[in-house]
């Protein structure tokens, strides 16, 4: 991906968990919701290179 000019970043799983709990006050694992939360964290620049 990097060779093709696509940036690669790492989102902390703990940040995803905390965001999920804040949004819906739930600790349930929901694989359908996680991609949206991760995309929002990247959009808000809450990631590491």
N, C-alpha and C. Protein backbone atom coordinates (compact mmCIF):
# COMPACT_ATOMS: atom_id res chain seq x y z
N UNK A 1 0.82 -1.18 0.00
CA UNK A 1 0.00 0.00 0.00
C UNK A 1 0.87 1.26 0.00
N UNK A 2 1.91 1.24 0.82
CA UNK A 2 2.79 2.40 0.90
C UNK A 2 3.46 2.64 -0.45
N UNK A 3 3.86 1.56 -1.12
CA UNK A 3 4.50 1.68 -2.42
C UNK A 3 3.56 2.30 -3.46
N UNK A 4 2.27 2.17 -3.24
CA UNK A 4 1.28 2.75 -4.15
C UNK A 4 0.78 4.11 -3.70
N UNK A 5 1.44 4.71 -2.69
CA UNK A 5 1.08 6.05 -2.25
C UNK A 5 -0.08 6.12 -1.28
N UNK A 6 -0.44 4.99 -0.69
CA UNK A 6 -1.54 4.97 0.28
C UNK A 6 -0.96 5.03 1.68
N UNK A 7 -1.43 6.00 2.47
CA UNK A 7 -0.94 6.14 3.84
C UNK A 7 -1.48 5.02 4.71
N UNK A 8 -0.64 4.55 5.61
CA UNK A 8 -1.02 3.50 6.55
C UNK A 8 -0.87 4.06 7.95
N UNK A 9 -1.92 3.94 8.76
CA UNK A 9 -1.88 4.43 10.13
C UNK A 9 -2.38 3.34 11.06
N UNK A 10 -2.12 3.52 12.35
CA UNK A 10 -2.55 2.55 13.35
C UNK A 10 -3.44 3.25 14.35
N UNK A 11 -4.62 2.70 14.57
CA UNK A 11 -5.56 3.23 15.55
C UNK A 11 -5.51 2.32 16.77
N UNK A 12 -5.34 2.92 17.93
CA UNK A 12 -5.25 2.18 19.17
C UNK A 12 -6.59 1.50 19.47
N UNK A 13 -6.60 0.18 19.66
CA UNK A 13 -7.86 -0.51 19.97
C UNK A 13 -8.53 0.02 21.24
N UNK A 14 -7.74 0.49 22.18
CA UNK A 14 -8.31 1.06 23.40
C UNK A 14 -9.11 2.33 23.07
N UNK A 15 -8.61 3.14 22.13
CA UNK A 15 -9.34 4.35 21.72
C UNK A 15 -10.66 3.97 21.07
N UNK A 16 -10.68 2.90 20.28
CA UNK A 16 -11.92 2.44 19.66
C UNK A 16 -12.90 2.00 20.74
N UNK A 17 -12.41 1.26 21.71
CA UNK A 17 -13.27 0.79 22.80
C UNK A 17 -13.85 1.96 23.59
N UNK A 18 -13.01 2.92 23.93
CA UNK A 18 -13.46 4.07 24.70
C UNK A 18 -14.50 4.88 23.91
N UNK A 19 -14.25 5.08 22.64
CA UNK A 19 -15.19 5.83 21.79
C UNK A 19 -16.52 5.11 21.71
N UNK A 20 -16.47 3.80 21.56
CA UNK A 20 -17.69 3.01 21.48
C UNK A 20 -18.50 3.14 22.77
N UNK A 21 -17.82 3.07 23.90
CA UNK A 21 -18.51 3.19 25.19
C UNK A 21 -19.12 4.58 25.37
N UNK A 22 -18.42 5.61 24.91
CA UNK A 22 -18.94 6.97 25.04
C UNK A 22 -20.16 7.20 24.14
N UNK A 23 -20.14 6.62 22.95
CA UNK A 23 -21.22 6.85 22.00
C UNK A 23 -22.52 6.16 22.39
N UNK A 24 -22.42 4.92 22.82
CA UNK A 24 -23.67 4.21 23.12
C UNK A 24 -23.71 3.58 24.51
N UNK A 25 -22.73 3.93 25.35
CA UNK A 25 -22.68 3.43 26.73
C UNK A 25 -22.78 1.91 26.77
N UNK A 26 -22.09 1.26 25.84
CA UNK A 26 -22.14 -0.19 25.74
C UNK A 26 -20.74 -0.74 25.59
N UNK A 27 -20.49 -1.90 26.18
CA UNK A 27 -19.22 -2.58 26.03
C UNK A 27 -19.34 -3.76 25.08
N UNK A 28 -20.49 -3.88 24.42
CA UNK A 28 -20.72 -4.99 23.51
C UNK A 28 -19.76 -4.92 22.32
N UNK A 29 -19.34 -6.09 21.87
CA UNK A 29 -18.52 -6.17 20.67
C UNK A 29 -19.47 -6.14 19.48
N UNK A 30 -19.22 -5.20 18.57
CA UNK A 30 -20.09 -5.06 17.41
C UNK A 30 -19.21 -4.77 16.20
N UNK A 31 -18.93 -5.80 15.43
CA UNK A 31 -18.04 -5.66 14.28
C UNK A 31 -18.61 -4.75 13.19
N UNK A 32 -19.89 -4.52 13.19
CA UNK A 32 -20.48 -3.63 12.19
C UNK A 32 -20.22 -2.17 12.55
N UNK A 33 -20.12 -1.86 13.82
CA UNK A 33 -19.93 -0.48 14.26
C UNK A 33 -18.45 -0.09 14.26
N UNK A 34 -17.55 -1.02 14.48
CA UNK A 34 -16.12 -0.71 14.61
C UNK A 34 -15.53 0.01 13.40
N UNK A 35 -15.80 -0.39 12.16
CA UNK A 35 -15.20 0.33 11.03
C UNK A 35 -15.59 1.81 10.99
N UNK A 36 -16.83 2.11 11.34
CA UNK A 36 -17.27 3.50 11.35
C UNK A 36 -16.54 4.28 12.45
N UNK A 37 -16.40 3.68 13.62
CA UNK A 37 -15.68 4.34 14.71
C UNK A 37 -14.22 4.57 14.34
N UNK A 38 -13.60 3.58 13.73
CA UNK A 38 -12.19 3.70 13.33
C UNK A 38 -12.05 4.80 12.28
N UNK A 39 -12.95 4.85 11.32
CA UNK A 39 -12.90 5.90 10.29
C UNK A 39 -13.03 7.28 10.92
N UNK A 40 -13.91 7.41 11.90
CA UNK A 40 -14.07 8.70 12.57
C UNK A 40 -12.83 9.08 13.36
N UNK A 41 -12.19 8.11 14.00
CA UNK A 41 -10.96 8.40 14.74
C UNK A 41 -9.85 8.86 13.79
N UNK A 42 -9.75 8.23 12.63
CA UNK A 42 -8.75 8.63 11.64
C UNK A 42 -9.07 10.04 11.13
N UNK A 43 -10.34 10.28 10.88
CA UNK A 43 -10.78 11.60 10.41
C UNK A 43 -10.42 12.70 11.42
N UNK A 44 -10.50 12.36 12.70
CA UNK A 44 -10.19 13.31 13.77
C UNK A 44 -8.71 13.32 14.15
N UNK A 45 -7.89 12.65 13.33
CA UNK A 45 -6.43 12.58 13.54
C UNK A 45 -6.05 11.95 14.87
N UNK A 46 -6.79 10.95 15.29
CA UNK A 46 -6.48 10.25 16.53
C UNK A 46 -5.86 8.89 16.20
N UNK A 47 -4.67 8.94 15.62
CA UNK A 47 -3.98 7.72 15.21
C UNK A 47 -2.47 7.95 15.29
N UNK A 48 -1.73 6.87 15.07
CA UNK A 48 -0.26 6.93 15.05
C UNK A 48 0.22 6.47 13.68
N UNK A 49 1.38 6.98 13.28
CA UNK A 49 2.00 6.54 12.01
C UNK A 49 2.77 5.29 12.24
